Amino acid sequence: MSLRNIYQLLLTVSSFLIFLQTSSSRNYYISPLGADSNNGLTPNTAFKTIQTATNIVRAGDSVLVLDGYYSGFDHRDKNSGSQGNPIVYFALGKKVWITSGFYRNNGINIENNDFVHIIGFKIHGMLKEGIRAVLANNIKILNNECDSCFRGIFTGYTDDITIEHNICTRSHGEHGIYVSNNSDRVLIRYNSSSYNKASGIQINRKAAGLNFQGLDRALIANNLIYNNHEGSGITLFHGDASKGCSDVKIFNNTILVPVDGRWCIHIEKKKKNILITN
């Protein structure tokens, strides 16, 4: 078993342990064979829609979704999780599909709520974002697949966010993963982002595999970037951020730029303390 598979197994086990953290926490089950008039507390009395559980979850609760096809859900202006007691949305199988949008044509929307985890969903064909988290802190987006959405994963004004082990492909509007607007302490790692209209991973604008505007105190390491036609591998720039990039380390990346591409690493002038070793 590879180290990555071991990591994913441990992640799955740890996620299930979250479900049992407090005696007052509840697990709500969702099934295509369920009914929203059920209580949702067992697989045999599951809700039919995820939104039904979203409307009642509290800190420490989990929403466990069985294989099937679903409409998206909108966790907006509802109860937040808390430190040690997040609200967890967990795909129990490997075929939990969200194929129709809910709020503003997003697959999953987290807004104005904190400590929410999204784990293991497959989101396809959204007119807007596959997963959207805005004005939301301490969010975890783990092991999801976003395909053929306007953008795969989009966040704004989100501190302490983790985006890991996601696959974002064929975004028809912009980027695979886009972290925007004054987000601090962001962890993005072990993701795959390919065949998107714009950047693979973007922290504000310019075409590149990894594209960073106003980045500060960051490590960019161990990435494979290739086939970025008409774009660069890694770009650091100022743009309209409050300041240019500073205190950035770029280590151990492999970048293959095609003949119609731009640069392997493009750093605009007036940047401070940029260390490159690749």
C-alpha atoms as a PDB file:
ATOM      1  CA  MET A   1       0.000   0.000   0.000  1.00  0.00           C
ATOM      2  CA  SER A   2       1.424   3.390  -1.006  1.00  0.00           C
ATOM      3  CA  LEU A   3       1.964   6.206   1.473  1.00  0.00           C
ATOM      4  CA  ARG A   4      -0.813   8.166  -0.232  1.00  0.00           C
ATOM      5  CA  ASN A   5      -3.272   5.269   0.177  1.00  0.00           C
ATOM      6  CA  ILE A   6      -2.266   4.897   3.823  1.00  0.00           C
ATOM      7  CA  TYR A   7      -2.826   8.635   4.323  1.00  0.00           C
ATOM      8  CA  GLN A   8      -6.264   8.427   2.704  1.00  0.00           C
ATOM      9  CA  LEU A   9      -7.186   5.403   4.860  1.00  0.00           C
ATOM     10  CA  LEU A  10      -6.162   7.234   8.016  1.00  0.00           C
ATOM     11  CA  LEU A  11      -8.102  10.279   6.839  1.00  0.00           C
ATOM     12  CA  THR A  12     -11.221   8.151   6.359  1.00  0.00           C
ATOM     13  CA  VAL A  13     -10.870   6.507   9.776  1.00  0.00           C
ATOM     14  CA  SER A  14     -10.274   9.833  11.501  1.00  0.00           C
ATOM     15  CA  SER A  15     -13.278  11.297   9.724  1.00  0.00           C
ATOM     16  CA  PHE A  16     -15.510   8.518  11.023  1.00  0.00           C
ATOM     17  CA  LEU A  17     -14.207   9.104  14.534  1.00  0.00           C
ATOM     18  CA  ILE A  18     -15.471  12.663  14.251  1.00  0.00           C
ATOM     19  CA  PHE A  19     -18.981  11.255  14.003  1.00  0.00           C
ATOM     20  CA  LEU A  20     -18.762   9.827  17.515  1.00  0.00           C
ATOM     21  CA  GLN A  21     -17.210  12.786  19.315  1.00  0.00           C
ATOM     22  CA  THR A  22     -20.044  13.756  21.625  1.00  0.00           C
ATOM     23  CA  SER A  23     -23.050  11.927  23.017  1.00  0.00           C
ATOM     24  CA  SER A  24     -25.335  14.733  21.839  1.00  0.00           C
ATOM     25  CA  SER A  25     -24.141  14.575  18.216  1.00  0.00           C
ATOM     26  CA  ARG A  26     -26.358  12.980  15.583  1.00  0.00           C
ATOM     27  CA  ASN A  27     -25.690  11.182  12.320  1.00  0.00           C
ATOM     28  CA  TYR A  28     -28.226  11.877   9.577  1.00  0.00           C
ATOM     29  CA  TYR A  29     -28.414   9.446   6.657  1.00  0.00           C
ATOM     30  CA  ILE A  30     -29.311  10.352   3.075  1.00  0.00           C
ATOM     31  CA  SER A  31     -30.436   7.804   0.484  1.00  0.00           C
ATOM     32  CA  PRO A  32     -32.092   8.028  -2.952  1.00  0.00           C
ATOM     33  CA  LEU A  33     -34.630   5.538  -1.543  1.00  0.00           C
ATOM     34  CA  GLY A  34     -35.300   7.671   1.551  1.00  0.00           C
ATOM     35  CA  ALA A  35     -38.049  10.162   2.285  1.00  0.00           C
ATOM     36  CA  ASP A  36     -37.784  13.647   3.727  1.00  0.00           C
ATOM     37  CA  SER A  37     -40.650  12.790   6.071  1.00  0.00           C
ATOM     38  CA  ASN A  38     -38.374  10.225   7.799  1.00  0.00           C
ATOM     39  CA  ASN A  39     -36.252  11.068  10.848  1.00  0.00           C
ATOM     40  CA  GLY A  40     -32.991  10.433   8.975  1.00  0.00           C
ATOM     41  CA  LEU A  41     -31.337   8.729  11.937  1.00  0.00           C
ATOM     42  CA  THR A  42     -30.739   5.288  10.377  1.00  0.00           C
ATOM     43  CA  PRO A  43     -30.072   4.029   6.831  1.00  0.00           C
ATOM     44  CA  ASN A  44     -33.577   2.522   6.834  1.00  0.00           C
ATOM     45  CA  THR A  45     -35.160   5.861   7.835  1.00  0.00           C
ATOM     46  CA  ALA A  46     -32.924   8.052   5.696  1.00  0.00           C
ATOM     47  CA  PHE A  47     -33.822  11.425   4.241  1.00  0.00           C
ATOM     48  CA  LYS A  48     -34.071  11.672   0.472  1.00  0.00           C
ATOM     49  CA  THR A  49     -32.366  15.066   0.047  1.00  0.00           C
ATOM     50  CA  ILE A  50     -29.189  16.381   1.615  1.00  0.00           C
ATOM     51  CA  GLN A  51     -30.769  19.782   2.163  1.00  0.00           C
ATOM     52  CA  THR A  52     -33.277  18.298   4.619  1.00  0.00           C
ATOM     53  CA  ALA A  53     -30.386  17.369   6.918  1.00  0.00           C
ATOM     54  CA  THR A  54     -28.624  20.679   6.247  1.00  0.00           C
ATOM     55  CA  ASN A  55     -31.626  22.530   7.609  1.00  0.00           C
ATOM     56  CA  ILE A  56     -31.340  20.868  11.055  1.00  0.00           C
ATOM     57  CA  VAL A  57     -27.670  19.990  11.683  1.00  0.00           C
ATOM     58  CA  ARG A  58     -25.808  21.463  14.633  1.00  0.00           C
ATOM     59  CA  ALA A  59     -22.173  21.460  15.798  1.00  0.00           C
ATOM     60  CA  GLY A  60     -20.853  17.907  15.989  1.00  0.00           C
ATOM     61  CA  ASP A  61     -23.489  16.415  13.674  1.00  0.00           C
ATOM     62  CA  SER A  62     -22.663  14.455  10.521  1.00  0.00           C
ATOM     63  CA  VAL A  63     -24.546  13.940   7.275  1.00  0.00           C
ATOM     64  CA  LEU A  64     -23.769  10.495   5.825  1.00  0.00           C
ATOM     65  CA  VAL A  65     -24.723  10.143   2.166  1.00  0.00           C
ATOM     66  CA  LEU A  66     -25.245   6.742   0.538  1.00  0.00           C
ATOM     67  CA  ASP A  67     -24.436   6.073  -3.120  1.00  0.00           C
ATOM     68  CA  GLY A  68     -26.785   7.733  -5.575  1.00  0.00           C
ATOM     69  CA  TYR A  69     -27.580  10.884  -7.533  1.00  0.00           C
ATOM     70  CA  TYR A  70     -28.564  14.045  -5.657  1.00  0.00           C
ATOM     71  CA  SER A  71     -29.325  17.713  -5.942  1.00  0.00           C
ATOM     72  CA  GLY A  72     -26.784  19.960  -4.229  1.00  0.00           C
ATOM     73  CA  PHE A  73     -27.165  21.662  -0.867  1.00  0.00           C
ATOM     74  CA  ASP A  74     -26.804  25.114   0.650  1.00  0.00           C
ATOM     75  CA  HIS A  75     -25.288  25.461   4.144  1.00  0.00           C
ATOM     76  CA  ARG A  76     -25.782  29.218   4.344  1.00  0.00           C
ATOM     77  CA  ASP A  77     -26.636  31.298   7.413  1.00  0.00           C
ATOM     78  CA  LYS A  78     -27.365  28.173   9.421  1.00  0.00           C
ATOM     79  CA  ASN A  79     -25.641  26.579  12.437  1.00  0.00           C
ATOM     80  CA  SER A  80     -21.844  26.509  12.411  1.00  0.00           C
ATOM     81  CA  GLY A  81     -19.646  23.768  13.726  1.00  0.00           C
ATOM     82  CA  SER A  82     -17.075  24.522  16.392  1.00  0.00           C
ATOM     83  CA  GLN A  83     -13.474  23.636  17.259  1.00  0.00           C
ATOM     84  CA  GLY A  84     -13.463  19.866  17.863  1.00  0.00           C
ATOM     85  CA  ASN A  85     -17.109  19.566  16.793  1.00  0.00           C
ATOM     86  CA  PRO A  86     -17.344  20.343  13.083  1.00  0.00           C
ATOM     87  CA  ILE A  87     -20.358  19.658  10.921  1.00  0.00           C
ATOM     88  CA  VAL A  88     -19.314  16.866   8.555  1.00  0.00           C
ATOM     89  CA  TYR A  89     -20.814  15.971   5.172  1.00  0.00           C
ATOM     90  CA  PHE A  90     -19.426  12.541   4.291  1.00  0.00           C
ATOM     91  CA  ALA A  91     -19.979  10.422   1.172  1.00  0.00           C
ATOM     92  CA  LEU A  92     -20.255   6.868   2.500  1.00  0.00           C
ATOM     93  CA  GLY A  93     -19.690   5.254  -0.902  1.00  0.00           C
ATOM     94  CA  LYS A  94     -17.592   6.004  -3.976  1.00  0.00           C
ATOM     95  CA  LYS A  95     -20.606   6.863  -6.144  1.00  0.00           C
ATOM     96  CA  VAL A  96     -22.203   9.789  -4.359  1.00  0.00           C
ATOM     97  CA  TRP A  97     -22.989  12.151  -7.234  1.00  0.00           C
ATOM     98  CA  ILE A  98     -24.286  15.708  -7.167  1.00  0.00           C
ATOM     99  CA  THR A  99     -25.571  16.383 -10.651  1.00  0.00           C
ATOM    100  CA  SER A 100     -27.902  19.362 -10.221  1.00  0.00           C
ATOM    101  CA  GLY A 101     -27.238  22.677  -8.505  1.00  0.00           C
ATOM    102  CA  PHE A 102     -29.106  24.140  -5.565  1.00  0.00           C
ATOM    103  CA  TYR A 103     -28.305  27.721  -4.529  1.00  0.00           C
ATOM    104  CA  ARG A 104     -27.384  29.870  -7.545  1.00  0.00           C
ATOM    105  CA  ASN A 105     -26.476  26.748  -9.526  1.00  0.00           C
ATOM    106  CA  ASN A 106     -23.674  25.722  -7.143  1.00  0.00           C
ATOM    107  CA  GLY A 107     -23.271  22.063  -6.273  1.00  0.00           C
ATOM    108  CA  ILE A 108     -22.301  22.624  -2.618  1.00  0.00           C
ATOM    109  CA  ASN A 109     -22.473  26.062  -1.023  1.00  0.00           C
ATOM    110  CA  ILE A 110     -20.994  26.920   2.401  1.00  0.00           C
ATOM    111  CA  GLU A 111     -21.543  30.569   3.327  1.00  0.00           C
ATOM    112  CA  ASN A 112     -21.330  32.556   6.540  1.00  0.00           C
ATOM    113  CA  ASN A 113     -20.731  29.384   8.567  1.00  0.00           C
ATOM    114  CA  ASP A 114     -17.552  27.961  10.077  1.00  0.00           C
ATOM    115  CA  PHE A 115     -16.065  24.526  10.854  1.00  0.00           C
ATOM    116  CA  VAL A 116     -17.733  22.568   8.051  1.00  0.00           C
ATOM    117  CA  HIS A 117     -16.102  19.537   6.370  1.00  0.00           C
ATOM    118  CA  ILE A 118     -16.977  18.303   2.864  1.00  0.00           C
ATOM    119  CA  ILE A 119     -15.595  14.808   2.156  1.00  0.00           C
ATOM    120  CA  GLY A 120     -15.828  12.433  -0.780  1.00  0.00           C
ATOM    121  CA  PHE A 121     -18.449  13.883  -3.164  1.00  0.00           C
ATOM    122  CA  LYS A 122     -18.488  13.777  -6.961  1.00  0.00           C
ATOM    123  CA  ILE A 123     -19.920  16.983  -8.440  1.00  0.00           C
ATOM    124  CA  HIS A 124     -20.611  17.160 -12.161  1.00  0.00           C
ATOM    125  CA  GLY A 125     -21.877  19.738 -14.603  1.00  0.00           C
ATOM    126  CA  MET A 126     -22.599  22.773 -12.418  1.00  0.00           C
ATOM    127  CA  LEU A 127     -23.350  26.076 -14.150  1.00  0.00           C
ATOM    128  CA  LYS A 128     -21.402  27.771 -11.333  1.00  0.00           C
ATOM    129  CA  GLU A 129     -19.093  26.315  -8.673  1.00  0.00           C
ATOM    130  CA  GLY A 130     -18.748  22.664  -7.860  1.00  0.00           C
ATOM    131  CA  ILE A 131     -17.946  23.529  -4.222  1.00  0.00           C
ATOM    132  CA  ARG A 132     -18.203  27.121  -2.973  1.00  0.00           C
ATOM    133  CA  ALA A 133     -17.096  28.358   0.479  1.00  0.00           C
ATOM    134  CA  VAL A 134     -17.439  32.109   1.139  1.00  0.00           C
ATOM    135  CA  LEU A 135     -17.216  34.086   4.398  1.00  0.00           C
ATOM    136  CA  ALA A 136     -16.500  30.750   6.068  1.00  0.00           C
ATOM    137  CA  ASN A 137     -13.491  29.856   8.230  1.00  0.00           C
ATOM    138  CA  ASN A 138     -11.992  26.528   9.288  1.00  0.00           C
ATOM    139  CA  ILE A 139     -13.422  24.681   6.298  1.00  0.00           C
ATOM    140  CA  LYS A 140     -12.052  21.337   5.062  1.00  0.00           C
ATOM    141  CA  ILE A 141     -12.663  20.220   1.458  1.00  0.00           C
ATOM    142  CA  LEU A 142     -11.262  16.700   1.131  1.00  0.00           C
ATOM    143  CA  ASN A 143     -11.315  13.862  -1.432  1.00  0.00           C
ATOM    144  CA  ASN A 144     -13.928  15.399  -3.740  1.00  0.00           C
ATOM    145  CA  GLU A 145     -14.160  15.368  -7.525  1.00  0.00           C
ATOM    146  CA  CYS A 146     -15.447  18.391  -9.443  1.00  0.00           C
ATOM    147  CA  ASP A 147     -15.876  17.871 -13.174  1.00  0.00           C
ATOM    148  CA  SER A 148     -17.287  20.131 -15.902  1.00  0.00           C
ATOM    149  CA  CYS A 149     -18.312  22.964 -13.560  1.00  0.00           C
ATOM    150  CA  PHE A 150     -17.779  26.698 -14.150  1.00  0.00           C
ATOM    151  CA  ARG A 151     -15.085  26.445 -11.448  1.00  0.00           C
ATOM    152  CA  GLY A 152     -14.268  23.323  -9.489  1.00  0.00           C
ATOM    153  CA  ILE A 153     -13.610  24.666  -5.976  1.00  0.00           C
ATOM    154  CA  PHE A 154     -14.023  28.359  -5.174  1.00  0.00           C
ATOM    155  CA  THR A 155     -13.433  30.141  -1.860  1.00  0.00           C
ATOM    156  CA  GLY A 156     -13.521  33.784  -0.775  1.00  0.00           C
ATOM    157  CA  TYR A 157     -12.709  35.435   2.554  1.00  0.00           C
ATOM    158  CA  THR A 158     -11.971  32.028   4.081  1.00  0.00           C
ATOM    159  CA  ASP A 159      -9.273  31.751   6.751  1.00  0.00           C
ATOM    160  CA  ASP A 160      -7.775  28.453   7.929  1.00  0.00           C
ATOM    161  CA  ILE A 161      -9.100  26.451   4.996  1.00  0.00           C
ATOM    162  CA  THR A 162      -7.751  23.048   3.928  1.00  0.00           C
ATOM    163  CA  ILE A 163      -8.157  21.755   0.358  1.00  0.00           C
ATOM    164  CA  GLU A 164      -6.653  18.263   0.014  1.00  0.00           C
ATOM    165  CA  HIS A 165      -6.869  15.203  -2.269  1.00  0.00           C
ATOM    166  CA  ASN A 166      -9.425  16.735  -4.627  1.00  0.00           C
ATOM    167  CA  ILE A 167      -9.649  16.220  -8.393  1.00  0.00           C
ATOM    168  CA  CYS A 168     -10.812  19.219 -10.424  1.00  0.00           C
ATOM    169  CA  THR A 169     -11.184  18.727 -14.170  1.00  0.00           C
ATOM    170  CA  ARG A 170     -12.648  20.470 -17.217  1.00  0.00           C
ATOM    171  CA  SER A 171     -13.808  23.686 -15.553  1.00  0.00           C
ATOM    172  CA  HIS A 172     -15.588  25.399 -18.440  1.00  0.00           C
ATOM    173  CA  GLY A 173     -15.518  28.935 -16.994  1.00  0.00           C
ATOM    174  CA  GLU A 174     -12.259  29.458 -15.132  1.00  0.00           C
ATOM    175  CA  HIS A 175     -10.049  27.570 -12.719  1.00  0.00           C
ATOM    176  CA  GLY A 176      -9.856  24.147 -11.150  1.00  0.00           C
ATOM    177  CA  ILE A 177      -9.252  25.518  -7.629  1.00  0.00           C
ATOM    178  CA  TYR A 178      -9.608  29.227  -6.914  1.00  0.00           C
ATOM    179  CA  VAL A 179      -8.837  30.721  -3.483  1.00  0.00           C
ATOM    180  CA  SER A 180      -9.724  34.416  -3.598  1.00  0.00           C
ATOM    181  CA  ASN A 181     -10.082  37.569  -1.504  1.00  0.00           C
ATOM    182  CA  ASN A 182      -7.954  37.871   1.607  1.00  0.00           C
ATOM    183  CA  SER A 183      -7.765  34.251   2.733  1.00  0.00           C
ATOM    184  CA  ASP A 184      -5.124  33.561   5.387  1.00  0.00           C
ATOM    185  CA  ARG A 185      -3.489  30.287   6.496  1.00  0.00           C
ATOM    186  CA  VAL A 186      -4.589  28.286   3.466  1.00  0.00           C
ATOM    187  CA  LEU A 187      -3.378  24.706   2.946  1.00  0.00           C
ATOM    188  CA  ILE A 188      -3.709  23.333  -0.612  1.00  0.00           C
ATOM    189  CA  ARG A 189      -1.999  19.978  -1.232  1.00  0.00           C
ATOM    190  CA  TYR A 190      -2.301  16.562  -2.900  1.00  0.00           C
ATOM    191  CA  ASN A 191      -4.832  17.853  -5.447  1.00  0.00           C
ATOM    192  CA  SER A 192      -5.054  17.111  -9.172  1.00  0.00           C
ATOM    193  CA  SER A 193      -6.287  19.890 -11.442  1.00  0.00           C
ATOM    194  CA  SER A 194      -6.361  19.438 -15.224  1.00  0.00           C
ATOM    195  CA  TYR A 195      -8.033  20.435 -18.507  1.00  0.00           C
ATOM    196  CA  ASN A 196      -9.490  23.609 -17.001  1.00  0.00           C
ATOM    197  CA  LYS A 197     -10.212  26.699 -19.090  1.00  0.00           C
ATOM    198  CA  ALA A 198      -7.921  28.935 -17.028  1.00  0.00           C
ATOM    199  CA  SER A 199      -5.510  28.115 -14.172  1.00  0.00           C
ATOM    200  CA  GLY A 200      -5.208  24.794 -12.418  1.00  0.00           C
ATOM    201  CA  ILE A 201      -4.851  26.442  -9.004  1.00  0.00           C
ATOM    202  CA  GLN A 202      -5.347  30.191  -8.733  1.00  0.00           C
ATOM    203  CA  ILE A 203      -4.835  32.739  -6.010  1.00  0.00           C
ATOM    204  CA  ASN A 204      -5.896  35.600  -8.250  1.00  0.00           C
ATOM    205  CA  ARG A 205      -5.531  36.077 -11.944  1.00  0.00           C
ATOM    206  CA  LYS A 206      -3.082  35.306 -14.835  1.00  0.00           C
ATOM    207  CA  ALA A 207      -2.911  32.124 -16.804  1.00  0.00           C
ATOM    208  CA  ALA A 208      -0.634  29.534 -15.184  1.00  0.00           C
ATOM    209  CA  GLY A 209      -0.675  26.067 -13.733  1.00  0.00           C
ATOM    210  CA  LEU A 210      -0.226  27.625 -10.278  1.00  0.00           C
ATOM    211  CA  ASN A 211      -1.075  31.310 -10.177  1.00  0.00           C
ATOM    212  CA  PHE A 212      -0.523  33.508  -7.106  1.00  0.00           C
ATOM    213  CA  GLN A 213      -1.284  37.178  -6.526  1.00  0.00           C
ATOM    214  CA  GLY A 214       0.033  38.956  -3.421  1.00  0.00           C
ATOM    215  CA  LEU A 215       1.175  35.677  -1.847  1.00  0.00           C
ATOM    216  CA  ASP A 216       2.911  36.013   1.536  1.00  0.00           C
ATOM    217  CA  ARG A 217       4.862  33.515   3.685  1.00  0.00           C
ATOM    218  CA  ALA A 218       4.142  30.504   1.488  1.00  0.00           C
ATOM    219  CA  LEU A 219       5.680  27.205   0.382  1.00  0.00           C
ATOM    220  CA  ILE A 220       5.052  25.909  -3.159  1.00  0.00           C
ATOM    221  CA  ALA A 221       6.509  22.411  -3.306  1.00  0.00           C
ATOM    222  CA  ASN A 222       6.358  18.987  -4.985  1.00  0.00           C
ATOM    223  CA  ASN A 223       4.050  19.892  -7.874  1.00  0.00           C
ATOM    224  CA  LEU A 224       3.970  18.371 -11.352  1.00  0.00           C
ATOM    225  CA  ILE A 225       2.865  20.958 -13.925  1.00  0.00           C
ATOM    226  CA  TYR A 226       2.661  20.205 -17.639  1.00  0.00           C
ATOM    227  CA  ASN A 227       0.843  21.002 -20.906  1.00  0.00           C
ATOM    228  CA  ASN A 228      -0.071  24.572 -19.935  1.00  0.00           C
ATOM    229  CA  HIS A 229      -0.569  25.878 -23.449  1.00  0.00           C
ATOM    230  CA  GLU A 230      -0.354  29.684 -23.713  1.00  0.00           C
ATOM    231  CA  GLY A 231       0.398  29.873 -19.982  1.00  0.00           C
ATOM    232  CA  SER A 232       3.231  29.558 -17.472  1.00  0.00           C
ATOM    233  CA  GLY A 233       3.964  26.874 -14.926  1.00  0.00           C
ATOM    234  CA  ILE A 234       4.087  29.008 -11.761  1.00  0.00           C
ATOM    235  CA  THR A 235       3.382  32.750 -11.683  1.00  0.00           C
ATOM    236  CA  LEU A 236       3.884  35.182  -8.771  1.00  0.00           C
ATOM    237  CA  PHE A 237       2.622  38.725  -9.275  1.00  0.00           C
ATOM    238  CA  HIS A 238       1.303  41.848  -7.574  1.00  0.00           C
ATOM    239  CA  GLY A 239      -1.737  42.806  -9.647  1.00  0.00           C
ATOM    240  CA  ASP A 240      -4.298  44.678  -7.558  1.00  0.00           C
ATOM    241  CA  ALA A 241      -3.303  43.042  -4.265  1.00  0.00           C
ATOM    242  CA  SER A 242      -2.279  45.280  -1.366  1.00  0.00           C
ATOM    243  CA  LYS A 243       1.359  44.236  -1.906  1.00  0.00           C
ATOM    244  CA  GLY A 244       3.463  41.982  -4.076  1.00  0.00           C
ATOM    245  CA  CYS A 245       4.491  38.425  -3.246  1.00  0.00           C
ATOM    246  CA  SER A 246       7.016  38.050  -0.429  1.00  0.00           C
ATOM    247  CA  ASP A 247       8.689  35.334   1.647  1.00  0.00           C
ATOM    248  CA  VAL A 248       7.835  32.565  -0.820  1.00  0.00           C
ATOM    249  CA  LYS A 249       9.765  29.296  -1.213  1.00  0.00           C
ATOM    250  CA  ILE A 250       9.433  27.325  -4.463  1.00  0.00           C
ATOM    251  CA  PHE A 251      10.949  23.873  -3.932  1.00  0.00           C
ATOM    252  CA  ASN A 252      11.121  20.563  -5.801  1.00  0.00           C
ATOM    253  CA  ASN A 253       8.594  21.241  -8.571  1.00  0.00           C
ATOM    254  CA  THR A 254       8.648  19.589 -12.014  1.00  0.00           C
ATOM    255  CA  ILE A 255       7.440  21.934 -14.764  1.00  0.00           C
ATOM    256  CA  LEU A 256       7.191  20.993 -18.450  1.00  0.00           C
ATOM    257  CA  VAL A 257       6.144  23.885 -20.678  1.00  0.00           C
ATOM    258  CA  PRO A 258       5.040  23.128 -24.270  1.00  0.00           C
ATOM    259  CA  VAL A 259       6.381  25.115 -27.210  1.00  0.00           C
ATOM    260  CA  ASP A 260       3.322  27.386 -27.239  1.00  0.00           C
ATOM    261  CA  GLY A 261       3.583  28.033 -23.483  1.00  0.00           C
ATOM    262  CA  ARG A 262       5.245  30.884 -21.636  1.00  0.00           C
ATOM    263  CA  TRP A 263       7.625  30.445 -18.680  1.00  0.00           C
ATOM    264  CA  CYS A 264       8.313  27.623 -16.259  1.00  0.00           C
ATOM    265  CA  ILE A 265       8.398  30.134 -13.385  1.00  0.00           C
ATOM    266  CA  HIS A 266       7.325  33.726 -13.930  1.00  0.00           C
ATOM    267  CA  ILE A 267       7.979  36.226 -11.136  1.00  0.00           C
ATOM    268  CA  GLU A 268       7.110  39.833 -11.754  1.00  0.00           C
ATOM    269  CA  LYS A 269       9.483  42.510 -10.514  1.00  0.00           C
ATOM    270  CA  LYS A 270       9.342  44.089  -7.070  1.00  0.00           C
ATOM    271  CA  LYS A 271       9.016  40.799  -5.197  1.00  0.00           C
ATOM    272  CA  LYS A 272      10.805  40.225  -1.892  1.00  0.00           C
ATOM    273  CA  ASN A 273      12.574  37.147  -0.500  1.00  0.00           C
ATOM    274  CA  ILE A 274      11.721  34.606  -3.201  1.00  0.00           C
ATOM    275  CA  LEU A 275      13.741  31.387  -2.913  1.00  0.00           C
ATOM    276  CA  ILE A 276      13.668  28.915  -5.823  1.00  0.00           C
ATOM    277  CA  THR A 277      15.120  25.382  -5.783  1.00  0.00           C
ATOM    278  CA  ASN A 278      13.620  23.006  -8.354  1.00  0.00           C
END
